[in-house]
Amino acid sequence: RPPLELAGFYVDQFPDNDLARERAQRHNLK
């Protein structure tokens, strides 16, 4: 388990098969 916390998340493009939103929702990540 990385000793880092992913806190800031910026995504430039959201294709039809995007996973960013799912990952953000599952991990309570903005």
PDB file of all heavy atoms in Angstrom:
ATOM      1  N   ARG A   1       0.858  -1.186   0.000  1.00  0.00           N
ATOM      2  CA  ARG A   1       0.000   0.000   0.000  1.00  0.00           C
ATOM      3  C   ARG A   1       0.891   1.232   0.000  1.00  0.00           C
ATOM      4  O   ARG A   1       1.678   1.438   0.928  1.00  0.00           O
ATOM      5  CB  ARG A   1      -0.899   0.025   1.243  1.00  0.00           C
ATOM      6  CG  ARG A   1      -1.949  -1.075   1.274  1.00  0.00           C
ATOM      7  CD  ARG A   1      -3.123  -0.721   0.387  1.00  0.00           C
ATOM      8  NE  ARG A   1      -4.180  -1.717   0.463  1.00  0.00           N
ATOM      9  CZ  ARG A   1      -5.336  -1.629  -0.177  1.00  0.00           C
ATOM     10  NH1 ARG A   1      -5.559  -0.582  -0.966  1.00  0.00           N
ATOM     11  NH2 ARG A   1      -6.252  -2.559  -0.067  1.00  0.00           N
ATOM     12  N   PRO A   2       0.824   2.066  -1.025  1.00  0.00           N
ATOM     13  CA  PRO A   2       1.698   3.237  -1.071  1.00  0.00           C
ATOM     14  C   PRO A   2       1.509   4.134   0.149  1.00  0.00           C
ATOM     15  O   PRO A   2       0.379   4.323   0.627  1.00  0.00           O
ATOM     16  CB  PRO A   2       1.245   3.962  -2.344  1.00  0.00           C
ATOM     17  CG  PRO A   2       0.667   2.900  -3.198  1.00  0.00           C
ATOM     18  CD  PRO A   2      -0.005   1.951  -2.241  1.00  0.00           C
ATOM     19  N   PRO A   3       2.599   4.689   0.682  1.00  0.00           N
ATOM     20  CA  PRO A   3       2.513   5.601   1.820  1.00  0.00           C
ATOM     21  C   PRO A   3       2.085   7.003   1.388  1.00  0.00           C
ATOM     22  O   PRO A   3       2.439   7.989   2.035  1.00  0.00           O
ATOM     23  CB  PRO A   3       3.936   5.597   2.372  1.00  0.00           C
ATOM     24  CG  PRO A   3       4.782   5.369   1.165  1.00  0.00           C
ATOM     25  CD  PRO A   3       3.993   4.454   0.270  1.00  0.00           C
ATOM     26  N   LEU A   4       1.366   7.105   0.273  1.00  0.00           N
ATOM     27  CA  LEU A   4       0.899   8.375  -0.261  1.00  0.00           C
ATOM     28  C   LEU A   4      -0.617   8.369  -0.356  1.00  0.00           C
ATOM     29  O   LEU A   4      -1.227   7.326  -0.568  1.00  0.00           O
ATOM     30  CB  LEU A   4       1.479   8.624  -1.666  1.00  0.00           C
ATOM     31  CG  LEU A   4       2.991   8.563  -1.854  1.00  0.00           C
ATOM     32  CD1 LEU A   4       3.345   8.784  -3.318  1.00  0.00           C
ATOM     33  CD2 LEU A   4       3.695   9.590  -0.972  1.00  0.00           C
ATOM     34  N   GLU A   5      -1.211   9.537  -0.239  1.00  0.00           N
ATOM     35  CA  GLU A   5      -2.650   9.691  -0.399  1.00  0.00           C
ATOM     36  C   GLU A   5      -2.937  10.489  -1.667  1.00  0.00           C
ATOM     37  O   GLU A   5      -2.438  11.604  -1.831  1.00  0.00           O
ATOM     38  CB  GLU A   5      -3.247  10.441   0.801  1.00  0.00           C
ATOM     39  CG  GLU A   5      -4.740  10.723   0.659  1.00  0.00           C
ATOM     40  CD  GLU A   5      -5.271  11.640   1.731  1.00  0.00           C
ATOM     41  OE1 GLU A   5      -4.550  11.904   2.719  1.00  0.00           O
ATOM     42  OE2 GLU A   5      -6.421  12.124   1.579  1.00  0.00           O
ATOM     43  N   LEU A   6      -3.700   9.892  -2.582  1.00  0.00           N
ATOM     44  CA  LEU A   6      -4.136  10.628  -3.761  1.00  0.00           C
ATOM     45  C   LEU A   6      -5.245  11.581  -3.332  1.00  0.00           C
ATOM     46  O   LEU A   6      -6.371  11.171  -3.054  1.00  0.00           O
ATOM     47  CB  LEU A   6      -4.638   9.668  -4.843  1.00  0.00           C
ATOM     48  CG  LEU A   6      -5.197  10.315  -6.114  1.00  0.00           C
ATOM     49  CD1 LEU A   6      -4.213  11.299  -6.722  1.00  0.00           C
ATOM     50  CD2 LEU A   6      -5.597   9.256  -7.134  1.00  0.00           C
ATOM     51  N   ALA A   7      -4.914  12.866  -3.274  1.00  0.00           N
ATOM     52  CA  ALA A   7      -5.859  13.859  -2.759  1.00  0.00           C
ATOM     53  C   ALA A   7      -6.348  14.799  -3.854  1.00  0.00           C
ATOM     54  O   ALA A   7      -7.538  15.133  -3.922  1.00  0.00           O
ATOM     55  CB  ALA A   7      -5.200  14.668  -1.638  1.00  0.00           C
ATOM     56  N   GLY A   8      -5.448  15.258  -4.717  1.00  0.00           N
ATOM     57  CA  GLY A   8      -5.820  16.155  -5.802  1.00  0.00           C
ATOM     58  C   GLY A   8      -5.903  15.400  -7.114  1.00  0.00           C
ATOM     59  O   GLY A   8      -4.946  14.714  -7.499  1.00  0.00           O
ATOM     60  N   PHE A   9      -7.004  15.504  -7.818  1.00  0.00           N
ATOM     61  CA  PHE A   9      -7.233  14.711  -9.030  1.00  0.00           C
ATOM     62  C   PHE A   9      -7.768  15.646 -10.109  1.00  0.00           C
ATOM     63  O   PHE A   9      -8.824  16.266  -9.943  1.00  0.00           O
ATOM     64  CB  PHE A   9      -8.232  13.603  -8.716  1.00  0.00           C
ATOM     65  CG  PHE A   9      -8.297  12.488  -9.726  1.00  0.00           C
ATOM     66  CD1 PHE A   9      -7.275  12.255 -10.634  1.00  0.00           C
ATOM     67  CD2 PHE A   9      -9.399  11.634  -9.745  1.00  0.00           C
ATOM     68  CE1 PHE A   9      -7.348  11.214 -11.540  1.00  0.00           C
ATOM     69  CE2 PHE A   9      -9.482  10.592 -10.651  1.00  0.00           C
ATOM     70  CZ  PHE A   9      -8.456  10.376 -11.547  1.00  0.00           C
ATOM     71  N   TYR A  10      -7.025  15.752 -11.217  1.00  0.00           N
ATOM     72  CA  TYR A  10      -7.476  16.539 -12.361  1.00  0.00           C
ATOM     73  C   TYR A  10      -7.459  15.647 -13.586  1.00  0.00           C
ATOM     74  O   TYR A  10      -6.466  14.955 -13.856  1.00  0.00           O
ATOM     75  CB  TYR A  10      -6.564  17.748 -12.597  1.00  0.00           C
ATOM     76  CG  TYR A  10      -6.862  18.459 -13.901  1.00  0.00           C
ATOM     77  CD1 TYR A  10      -7.925  19.359 -14.001  1.00  0.00           C
ATOM     78  CD2 TYR A  10      -6.096  18.211 -15.044  1.00  0.00           C
ATOM     79  CE1 TYR A  10      -8.211  19.995 -15.209  1.00  0.00           C
ATOM     80  CE2 TYR A  10      -6.369  18.844 -16.248  1.00  0.00           C
ATOM     81  CZ  TYR A  10      -7.433  19.731 -16.324  1.00  0.00           C
ATOM     82  OH  TYR A  10      -7.729  20.341 -17.510  1.00  0.00           O
ATOM     83  N   VAL A  11      -8.551  15.636 -14.341  1.00  0.00           N
ATOM     84  CA  VAL A  11      -8.666  14.825 -15.554  1.00  0.00           C
ATOM     85  C   VAL A  11      -9.106  15.742 -16.686  1.00  0.00           C
ATOM     86  O   VAL A  11     -10.096  16.465 -16.570  1.00  0.00           O
ATOM     87  CB  VAL A  11      -9.660  13.669 -15.365  1.00  0.00           C
ATOM     88  CG1 VAL A  11      -9.720  12.811 -16.627  1.00  0.00           C
ATOM     89  CG2 VAL A  11      -9.281  12.813 -14.153  1.00  0.00           C
ATOM     90  N   ASP A  12      -8.370  15.692 -17.795  1.00  0.00           N
ATOM     91  CA  ASP A  12      -8.608  16.619 -18.900  1.00  0.00           C
ATOM     92  C   ASP A  12      -9.709  16.147 -19.845  1.00  0.00           C
ATOM     93  O   ASP A  12     -10.493  16.960 -20.343  1.00  0.00           O
ATOM     94  CB  ASP A  12      -7.308  16.813 -19.678  1.00  0.00           C
ATOM     95  CG  ASP A  12      -7.333  18.040 -20.578  1.00  0.00           C
ATOM     96  OD1 ASP A  12      -7.886  19.074 -20.157  1.00  0.00           O
ATOM     97  OD2 ASP A  12      -6.801  17.973 -21.693  1.00  0.00           O
ATOM     98  N   GLN A  13      -9.781  14.831 -20.098  1.00  0.00           N
ATOM     99  CA  GLN A  13     -10.748  14.306 -21.063  1.00  0.00           C
ATOM    100  C   GLN A  13     -11.474  13.095 -20.486  1.00  0.00           C
ATOM    101  O   GLN A  13     -10.893  12.314 -19.726  1.00  0.00           O
ATOM    102  CB  GLN A  13     -10.048  13.916 -22.370  1.00  0.00           C
ATOM    103  CG  GLN A  13      -9.398  15.086 -23.085  1.00  0.00           C
ATOM    104  CD  GLN A  13      -8.709  14.672 -24.378  1.00  0.00           C
ATOM    105  OE1 GLN A  13      -8.651  13.492 -24.732  1.00  0.00           O
ATOM    106  NE2 GLN A  13      -8.174  15.654 -25.100  1.00  0.00           N
ATOM    107  N   PHE A  14     -12.741  12.938 -20.875  1.00  0.00           N
ATOM    108  CA  PHE A  14     -13.573  11.850 -20.382  1.00  0.00           C
ATOM    109  C   PHE A  14     -14.177  11.090 -21.565  1.00  0.00           C
ATOM    110  O   PHE A  14     -15.282  11.395 -22.008  1.00  0.00           O
ATOM    111  CB  PHE A  14     -14.681  12.389 -19.477  1.00  0.00           C
ATOM    112  CG  PHE A  14     -14.176  13.068 -18.232  1.00  0.00           C
ATOM    113  CD1 PHE A  14     -13.876  14.425 -18.241  1.00  0.00           C
ATOM    114  CD2 PHE A  14     -13.983  12.360 -17.054  1.00  0.00           C
ATOM    115  CE1 PHE A  14     -13.407  15.069 -17.104  1.00  0.00           C
ATOM    116  CE2 PHE A  14     -13.511  12.981 -15.915  1.00  0.00           C
ATOM    117  CZ  PHE A  14     -13.222  14.349 -15.935  1.00  0.00           C
ATOM    118  N   PRO A  15     -13.458  10.091 -22.101  1.00  0.00           N
ATOM    119  CA  PRO A  15     -13.996   9.315 -23.218  1.00  0.00           C
ATOM    120  C   PRO A  15     -15.162   8.440 -22.767  1.00  0.00           C
ATOM    121  O   PRO A  15     -15.468   8.352 -21.562  1.00  0.00           O
ATOM    122  CB  PRO A  15     -12.799   8.471 -23.649  1.00  0.00           C
ATOM    123  CG  PRO A  15     -11.972   8.327 -22.408  1.00  0.00           C
ATOM    124  CD  PRO A  15     -12.134   9.628 -21.670  1.00  0.00           C
ATOM    125  N   ASP A  16     -15.798   7.785 -23.718  1.00  0.00           N
ATOM    126  CA  ASP A  16     -16.954   6.940 -23.392  1.00  0.00           C
ATOM    127  C   ASP A  16     -16.593   5.829 -22.416  1.00  0.00           C
ATOM    128  O   ASP A  16     -17.434   5.422 -21.593  1.00  0.00           O
ATOM    129  CB  ASP A  16     -17.544   6.332 -24.671  1.00  0.00           C
ATOM    130  CG  ASP A  16     -18.183   7.377 -25.569  1.00  0.00           C
ATOM    131  OD1 ASP A  16     -18.507   8.464 -25.051  1.00  0.00           O
ATOM    132  OD2 ASP A  16     -18.353   7.115 -26.774  1.00  0.00           O
ATOM    133  N   ASN A  17     -15.375   5.320 -22.490  1.00  0.00           N
ATOM    134  CA  ASN A  17     -14.949   4.247 -21.584  1.00  0.00           C
ATOM    135  C   ASN A  17     -14.148   4.787 -20.401  1.00  0.00           C
ATOM    136  O   ASN A  17     -13.259   4.118 -19.864  1.00  0.00           O
ATOM    137  CB  ASN A  17     -14.136   3.198 -22.345  1.00  0.00           C
ATOM    138  CG  ASN A  17     -12.961   3.792 -23.111  1.00  0.00           C
ATOM    139  OD1 ASN A  17     -12.837   5.016 -23.226  1.00  0.00           O
ATOM    140  ND2 ASN A  17     -12.087   2.943 -23.629  1.00  0.00           N
ATOM    141  N   ASP A  18     -14.463   5.990 -19.973  1.00  0.00           N
ATOM    142  CA  ASP A  18     -13.784   6.648 -18.853  1.00  0.00           C
ATOM    143  C   ASP A  18     -13.902   5.838 -17.570  1.00  0.00           C
ATOM    144  O   ASP A  18     -14.959   5.284 -17.258  1.00  0.00           O
ATOM    145  CB  ASP A  18     -14.380   8.038 -18.640  1.00  0.00           C
ATOM    146  CG  ASP A  18     -13.943   8.649 -17.323  1.00  0.00           C
ATOM    147  OD1 ASP A  18     -12.732   8.883 -17.164  1.00  0.00           O
ATOM    148  OD2 ASP A  18     -14.812   8.866 -16.456  1.00  0.00           O
ATOM    149  N   LEU A  19     -12.800   5.788 -16.813  1.00  0.00           N
ATOM    150  CA  LEU A  19     -12.792   5.147 -15.500  1.00  0.00           C
ATOM    151  C   LEU A  19     -12.577   6.148 -14.368  1.00  0.00           C
ATOM    152  O   LEU A  19     -12.680   5.783 -13.203  1.00  0.00           O
ATOM    153  CB  LEU A  19     -11.674   4.089 -15.444  1.00  0.00           C
ATOM    154  CG  LEU A  19     -11.812   2.880 -16.373  1.00  0.00           C
ATOM    155  CD1 LEU A  19     -10.573   1.999 -16.268  1.00  0.00           C
ATOM    156  CD2 LEU A  19     -13.060   2.077 -16.037  1.00  0.00           C
ATOM    157  N   ALA A  20     -12.267   7.386 -14.699  1.00  0.00           N
ATOM    158  CA  ALA A  20     -11.945   8.371 -13.663  1.00  0.00           C
ATOM    159  C   ALA A  20     -13.117   8.598 -12.718  1.00  0.00           C
ATOM    160  O   ALA A  20     -12.947   8.636 -11.495  1.00  0.00           O
ATOM    161  CB  ALA A  20     -11.522   9.685 -14.311  1.00  0.00           C
ATOM    162  N   ARG A  21     -14.303   8.771 -13.275  1.00  0.00           N
ATOM    163  CA  ARG A  21     -15.467   9.056 -12.434  1.00  0.00           C
ATOM    164  C   ARG A  21     -15.794   7.879 -11.527  1.00  0.00           C
ATOM    165  O   ARG A  21     -16.159   8.055 -10.356  1.00  0.00           O
ATOM    166  CB  ARG A  21     -16.673   9.415 -13.318  1.00  0.00           C
ATOM    167  CG  ARG A  21     -16.510  10.744 -14.072  1.00  0.00           C
ATOM    168  CD  ARG A  21     -17.806  11.127 -14.747  1.00  0.00           C
ATOM    169  NE  ARG A  21     -17.729  12.411 -15.439  1.00  0.00           N
ATOM    170  CZ  ARG A  21     -17.501  12.561 -16.734  1.00  0.00           C
ATOM    171  NH1 ARG A  21     -17.309  11.479 -17.492  1.00  0.00           N
ATOM    172  NH2 ARG A  21     -17.448  13.754 -17.289  1.00  0.00           N
ATOM    173  N   GLU A  22     -15.667   6.652 -12.044  1.00  0.00           N
ATOM    174  CA  GLU A  22     -15.935   5.471 -11.218  1.00  0.00           C
ATOM    175  C   GLU A  22     -14.935   5.372 -10.085  1.00  0.00           C
ATOM    176  O   GLU A  22     -15.289   5.091  -8.938  1.00  0.00           O
ATOM    177  CB  GLU A  22     -15.895   4.214 -12.093  1.00  0.00           C
ATOM    178  CG  GLU A  22     -16.320   2.939 -11.372  1.00  0.00           C
ATOM    179  CD  GLU A  22     -15.218   2.296 -10.542  1.00  0.00           C
ATOM    180  OE1 GLU A  22     -14.023   2.515 -10.874  1.00  0.00           O
ATOM    181  OE2 GLU A  22     -15.535   1.607  -9.547  1.00  0.00           O
ATOM    182  N   ARG A  23     -13.645   5.618 -10.390  1.00  0.00           N
ATOM    183  CA  ARG A  23     -12.625   5.556  -9.344  1.00  0.00           C
ATOM    184  C   ARG A  23     -12.870   6.641  -8.290  1.00  0.00           C
ATOM    185  O   ARG A  23     -12.727   6.406  -7.089  1.00  0.00           O
ATOM    186  CB  ARG A  23     -11.235   5.736  -9.951  1.00  0.00           C
ATOM    187  CG  ARG A  23     -10.792   4.651 -10.934  1.00  0.00           C
ATOM    188  CD  ARG A  23     -10.782   3.274 -10.314  1.00  0.00           C
ATOM    189  NE  ARG A  23     -10.045   2.320 -11.148  1.00  0.00           N
ATOM    190  CZ  ARG A  23     -10.588   1.495 -12.029  1.00  0.00           C
ATOM    191  NH1 ARG A  23     -11.912   1.516 -12.230  1.00  0.00           N
ATOM    192  NH2 ARG A  23      -9.835   0.639 -12.722  1.00  0.00           N
ATOM    193  N   ALA A  24     -13.237   7.825  -8.742  1.00  0.00           N
ATOM    194  CA  ALA A  24     -13.492   8.922  -7.808  1.00  0.00           C
ATOM    195  C   ALA A  24     -14.667   8.608  -6.897  1.00  0.00           C
ATOM    196  O   ALA A  24     -14.616   8.854  -5.675  1.00  0.00           O
ATOM    197  CB  ALA A  24     -13.751  10.206  -8.589  1.00  0.00           C
ATOM    198  N   GLN A  25     -15.715   8.049  -7.463  1.00  0.00           N
ATOM    199  CA  GLN A  25     -16.896   7.724  -6.655  1.00  0.00           C
ATOM    200  C   GLN A  25     -16.588   6.611  -5.655  1.00  0.00           C
ATOM    201  O   GLN A  25     -16.966   6.684  -4.478  1.00  0.00           O
ATOM    202  CB  GLN A  25     -18.048   7.303  -7.565  1.00  0.00           C
ATOM    203  CG  GLN A  25     -19.342   6.996  -6.809  1.00  0.00           C
ATOM    204  CD  GLN A  25     -20.477   6.618  -7.752  1.00  0.00           C
ATOM    205  OE1 GLN A  25     -20.257   6.330  -8.923  1.00  0.00           O
ATOM    206  NE2 GLN A  25     -21.695   6.625  -7.246  1.00  0.00           N
ATOM    207  N   ARG A  26     -15.884   5.585  -6.121  1.00  0.00           N
ATOM    208  CA  ARG A  26     -15.605   4.430  -5.253  1.00  0.00           C
ATOM    209  C   ARG A  26     -14.682   4.798  -4.102  1.00  0.00           C
ATOM    210  O   ARG A  26     -14.795   4.243  -3.000  1.00  0.00           O
ATOM    211  CB  ARG A  26     -14.992   3.313  -6.103  1.00  0.00           C
ATOM    212  CG  ARG A  26     -14.557   2.086  -5.328  1.00  0.00           C
ATOM    213  CD  ARG A  26     -14.723   0.814  -6.144  1.00  0.00           C
ATOM    214  NE  ARG A  26     -14.055   0.894  -7.421  1.00  0.00           N
ATOM    215  CZ  ARG A  26     -12.844   0.374  -7.680  1.00  0.00           C
ATOM    216  NH1 ARG A  26     -12.179  -0.227  -6.709  1.00  0.00           N
ATOM    217  NH2 ARG A  26     -12.320   0.455  -8.880  1.00  0.00           N
ATOM    218  N   HIS A  27     -13.779   5.747  -4.333  1.00  0.00           N
ATOM    219  CA  HIS A  27     -12.790   6.098  -3.310  1.00  0.00           C
ATOM    220  C   HIS A  27     -13.056   7.470  -2.681  1.00  0.00           C
ATOM    221  O   HIS A  27     -12.175   8.015  -2.017  1.00  0.00           O
ATOM    222  CB  HIS A  27     -11.386   6.052  -3.905  1.00  0.00           C
ATOM    223  CG  HIS A  27     -10.953   4.663  -4.280  1.00  0.00           C
ATOM    224  ND1 HIS A  27     -10.362   3.806  -3.391  1.00  0.00           N
ATOM    225  CD2 HIS A  27     -11.043   3.981  -5.463  1.00  0.00           C
ATOM    226  CE1 HIS A  27     -10.078   2.655  -3.999  1.00  0.00           C
ATOM    227  NE2 HIS A  27     -10.482   2.740  -5.259  1.00  0.00           N
ATOM    228  N   ASN A  28     -14.259   8.004  -2.893  1.00  0.00           N
ATOM    229  CA  ASN A  28     -14.629   9.298  -2.318  1.00  0.00           C
ATOM    230  C   ASN A  28     -13.579  10.351  -2.646  1.00  0.00           C
ATOM    231  O   ASN A  28     -13.087  11.086  -1.785  1.00  0.00           O
ATOM    232  CB  ASN A  28     -14.810   9.184  -0.799  1.00  0.00           C
ATOM    233  CG  ASN A  28     -15.515  10.391  -0.208  1.00  0.00           C
ATOM    234  OD1 ASN A  28     -16.305  11.064  -0.884  1.00  0.00           O
ATOM    235  ND2 ASN A  28     -15.231  10.693   1.047  1.00  0.00           N
ATOM    236  N   LEU A  29     -13.239  10.430  -3.918  1.00  0.00           N
ATOM    237  CA  LEU A  29     -12.180  11.306  -4.407  1.00  0.00           C
ATOM    238  C   LEU A  29     -12.779  12.371  -5.299  1.00  0.00           C
ATOM    239  O   LEU A  29     -13.557  12.074  -6.207  1.00  0.00           O
ATOM    240  CB  LEU A  29     -11.162  10.468  -5.195  1.00  0.00           C
ATOM    241  CG  LEU A  29      -9.962  11.168  -5.811  1.00  0.00           C
ATOM    242  CD1 LEU A  29      -9.059  11.747  -4.728  1.00  0.00           C
ATOM    243  CD2 LEU A  29      -9.175  10.178  -6.673  1.00  0.00           C
ATOM    244  N   LYS A  30     -12.424  13.608  -5.060  1.00  0.00           N
ATOM    245  CA  LYS A  30     -12.959  14.717  -5.848  1.00  0.00           C
ATOM    246  C   LYS A  30     -12.103  14.955  -7.088  1.00  0.00           C
ATOM    247  O   LYS A  30     -10.873  14.987  -7.012  1.00  0.00           O
ATOM    248  CB  LYS A  30     -13.011  15.994  -5.015  1.00  0.00           C
ATOM    249  CG  LYS A  30     -13.595  17.192  -5.762  1.00  0.00           C
ATOM    250  CD  LYS A  30     -13.697  18.413  -4.860  1.00  0.00           C
ATOM    251  CE  LYS A  30     -14.262  19.604  -5.622  1.00  0.00           C
ATOM    252  NZ  LYS A  30     -14.391  20.799  -4.754  1.00  0.00           N
TER     253      LYS A  30
END
